[in-house]
Protein backbone atom coordinates (compact mmCIF):
# COMPACT_ATOMS: atom_id res chain seq x y z
CA MET A 1 10.43 -25.91 -5.69
CA SER A 2 8.60 -22.85 -7.01
CA GLN A 3 6.41 -20.58 -4.91
CA GLU A 4 3.23 -21.81 -6.69
CA GLN A 5 3.88 -25.39 -5.58
CA LYS A 6 4.32 -24.60 -1.89
CA ILE A 7 1.45 -25.53 0.41
CA LEU A 8 0.65 -23.52 3.53
CA ASN A 9 -0.71 -25.47 6.52
CA VAL A 10 -2.33 -23.64 9.44
CA THR A 11 -3.92 -25.12 12.55
CA ILE A 12 -5.93 -22.87 14.84
CA THR A 13 -7.66 -23.55 18.12
CA TYR A 14 -10.12 -21.26 19.83
CA GLY A 15 -11.59 -22.63 23.03
CA GLU A 16 -12.93 -26.04 22.07
CA LEU A 17 -12.90 -25.30 18.34
CA LYS A 18 -10.07 -26.54 16.19
CA ALA A 19 -9.62 -25.94 12.47
CA GLU A 20 -6.95 -26.86 9.96
CA PHE A 21 -6.43 -25.09 6.67
CA SER A 22 -4.17 -26.22 3.86
CA GLY A 23 -3.53 -24.91 0.36
CA ASP A 24 -2.05 -21.91 -1.40
CA PRO A 25 -1.44 -18.91 0.89
CA GLN A 26 -4.31 -16.83 -0.52
CA SER A 27 -6.97 -19.53 -0.02
CA VAL A 28 -5.65 -20.34 3.47
CA LEU A 29 -5.81 -16.66 4.42
CA SER A 30 -9.35 -16.40 3.08
CA SER A 31 -10.45 -19.53 4.99
CA LEU A 32 -8.74 -18.32 8.15
CA ASN A 33 -10.47 -14.92 7.95
CA GLU A 34 -13.82 -16.61 7.37
CA PHE A 35 -13.27 -18.88 10.39
CA LEU A 36 -12.28 -15.99 12.65
CA THR A 37 -15.19 -13.72 11.69
CA LYS A 38 -17.66 -16.59 12.03
CA HIS A 39 -16.47 -17.82 15.43
CA ILE A 40 -15.29 -14.55 16.98
CA PRO A 41 -18.03 -11.99 16.19
CA SER A 42 -16.12 -9.09 17.73
CA ILE A 43 -13.49 -9.49 15.00
CA ASP A 44 -16.18 -9.03 12.36
CA LEU A 45 -17.40 -5.87 14.08
CA ALA A 46 -13.88 -4.51 14.42
CA SER A 47 -13.14 -5.27 10.78
CA LYS A 48 -16.00 -2.99 9.72
CA VAL A 49 -14.14 0.03 11.11
CA THR A 50 -10.55 -1.15 10.65
CA ILE A 51 -8.51 -0.45 7.55
CA ASN A 52 -4.96 -1.63 6.95
CA TYR A 53 -3.59 -2.22 3.46
CA SER A 54 -1.39 -5.30 2.99
CA LEU A 55 1.29 -5.62 0.33
CA ASN A 56 -1.16 -7.69 -1.75
CA ASP A 57 -3.81 -4.96 -1.38
CA LEU A 58 -1.36 -2.28 -2.53
CA ILE A 59 -0.20 -4.30 -5.51
CA SER A 60 -3.79 -5.11 -6.46
CA MET A 61 -4.85 -1.46 -6.18
CA PHE A 62 -1.80 0.23 -7.71
CA GLY A 63 0.07 -2.43 -9.71
CA ASP A 64 -1.03 -0.87 -13.01
CA TYR A 65 0.34 2.53 -11.97
CA VAL A 66 3.62 1.81 -10.17
CA LYS A 67 6.56 -0.51 -10.79
CA ILE A 68 9.63 -1.44 -8.78
CA THR A 69 12.58 -1.05 -11.16
CA PRO A 70 16.35 -1.50 -10.70
CA GLU A 71 16.45 2.30 -10.33
CA GLY A 72 13.88 2.17 -7.54
CA PRO A 73 10.12 2.60 -7.21
CA ARG A 74 8.54 4.50 -10.11
CA VAL A 75 5.18 5.84 -11.22
CA TRP A 76 4.21 4.02 -14.43
CA MET A 77 1.30 5.93 -15.96
CA GLY A 78 1.95 5.52 -19.69
CA GLU A 79 -0.27 7.93 -21.63
CA GLN A 80 -2.62 8.60 -18.71
CA LYS A 81 -2.66 12.07 -17.15
CA LEU A 82 -2.73 12.63 -13.41
CA SER A 83 -2.39 15.70 -11.20
CA ASP A 84 0.90 16.42 -9.43
CA LYS A 85 -0.74 15.33 -6.15
CA GLY A 86 -1.73 12.04 -7.75
CA ILE A 87 1.77 11.46 -9.10
CA LEU A 88 3.29 12.27 -5.71
CA GLY A 89 0.84 9.94 -3.97
CA LEU A 90 1.67 7.14 -6.40
CA GLN A 91 5.40 7.70 -5.90
CA LEU A 92 4.93 7.35 -2.14
CA VAL A 93 2.77 4.24 -2.63
CA ALA A 94 5.54 2.77 -4.81
CA ALA A 95 8.02 3.50 -2.00
CA LYS A 96 5.70 1.77 0.49
CA ILE A 97 5.39 -1.28 -1.79
CA ASN A 98 9.18 -1.33 -2.12
CA TYR A 99 9.45 -1.25 1.69
CA GLU A 100 6.69 -3.82 2.32
CA SER A 101 8.35 -6.22 -0.12
CA GLY A 102 11.57 -6.03 1.91
CA LYS A 103 13.70 -4.26 -0.69
CA VAL A 104 14.45 -1.18 1.44
CA ALA A 105 14.61 -0.42 5.16
CA ILE A 106 12.29 2.62 5.24
CA PRO A 107 8.95 3.41 3.55
CA SER A 108 9.58 7.13 3.10
CA LEU A 109 11.31 9.38 0.55
CA THR A 110 13.14 12.71 0.74
CA LEU A 111 12.04 15.61 -1.45
CA ASN A 112 15.19 15.06 -3.52
CA GLU A 113 14.34 11.38 -4.06
CA ILE A 114 10.79 12.33 -5.03
CA ARG A 115 12.02 15.02 -7.45
CA SER A 116 14.51 12.63 -9.02
CA ALA A 117 11.90 9.88 -9.46
CA THR A 118 9.03 12.06 -10.72
CA GLY A 119 10.76 14.88 -12.55
CA LEU A 120 8.30 17.36 -11.04
CA ASN A 121 9.26 20.95 -10.21
CA PRO A 122 10.73 21.13 -6.66
CA LYS A 123 8.45 24.07 -5.71
CA SER A 124 5.41 22.16 -6.94
CA ILE A 125 6.49 19.08 -4.95
CA SER A 126 6.93 21.15 -1.80
CA SER A 127 3.56 22.90 -2.21
CA ARG A 128 1.63 19.71 -3.00
CA MET A 129 3.29 17.85 -0.10
CA SER A 130 2.24 20.64 2.27
CA GLU A 131 -1.36 20.31 1.07
CA MET A 132 -1.30 16.52 1.34
CA LEU A 133 0.22 16.76 4.82
CA LYS A 134 -2.55 19.16 5.89
CA TRP A 135 -5.21 16.72 4.61
CA GLY A 136 -3.59 13.74 6.34
CA TYR A 137 -2.60 11.97 3.11
CA VAL A 138 1.12 11.95 3.96
CA ASP A 139 3.23 11.92 7.09
CA LYS A 140 6.39 13.97 7.49
CA GLU A 141 9.32 12.73 9.55
CA THR A 142 12.80 14.06 10.19
CA SER A 143 15.79 11.78 9.72
CA GLU A 144 19.55 12.09 9.31
CA GLU A 145 18.99 12.74 5.59
CA GLY A 146 16.50 15.51 6.35
CA VAL A 147 12.73 15.57 5.96
CA ARG A 148 11.13 12.39 4.63
CA TYR A 149 7.55 11.80 3.48
CA LYS A 150 5.44 8.65 3.47
CA ILE A 151 1.89 7.88 2.39
CA THR A 152 -0.71 7.35 5.12
CA THR A 153 -3.57 4.86 5.14
CA GLN A 154 -5.93 7.77 4.49
CA GLY A 155 -3.71 8.83 1.59
CA ILE A 156 -3.84 5.34 0.09
CA ASN A 157 -7.64 5.37 0.29
CA TRP A 158 -7.82 8.87 -1.25
CA LEU A 159 -5.50 7.90 -4.10
CA ASN A 160 -7.40 4.69 -4.79
CA GLN A 161 -10.67 6.67 -5.00
CA ILE A 162 -9.12 9.09 -7.51
CA LEU A 163 -7.79 6.29 -9.70
CA MET A 164 -11.10 4.40 -9.59
CA LYS A 165 -12.95 7.56 -10.72
CA LYS A 166 -10.46 8.06 -13.57
CA ALA A 167 -10.95 4.43 -14.62
CA GLY A 168 -14.74 4.83 -14.44
CA LYS A 169 -15.17 2.29 -11.65
CA PRO A 170 -17.72 2.90 -8.86
């Protein structure tokens, strides 16, 4: 049975309210969100100040710019030009998508992995990562392999804004 044919069934109770949703996962999620925001107003208020990008959000936002290949996550810009910071941000988003889809155990990359994937100058990578770290667009963590970098939620938002401006979208 293919993924498109599978039906998701969800039953939810809240106090005396009970609702059942059935259909493809996307429509069930949409119906569930609508139910929750309608019947639990504090969720609607919290959602106005909460931001958390799901795998579907990331793919929707960046699917035209990154691909997961047998060689690993890659920036896929074609003829489009982007700054080194933009390329680095996209590479880290690709790594996050790779992680969120369950293909790897960690969402971060070492400077060596970033250099290998992007082909950018190591000094440029280091300088741009320092700037992005200062602005809160990336997080830096130390592991057995050395320093690793990952994109932050703020970095995802920043990168999406840049790409929307380049594409001429408001």
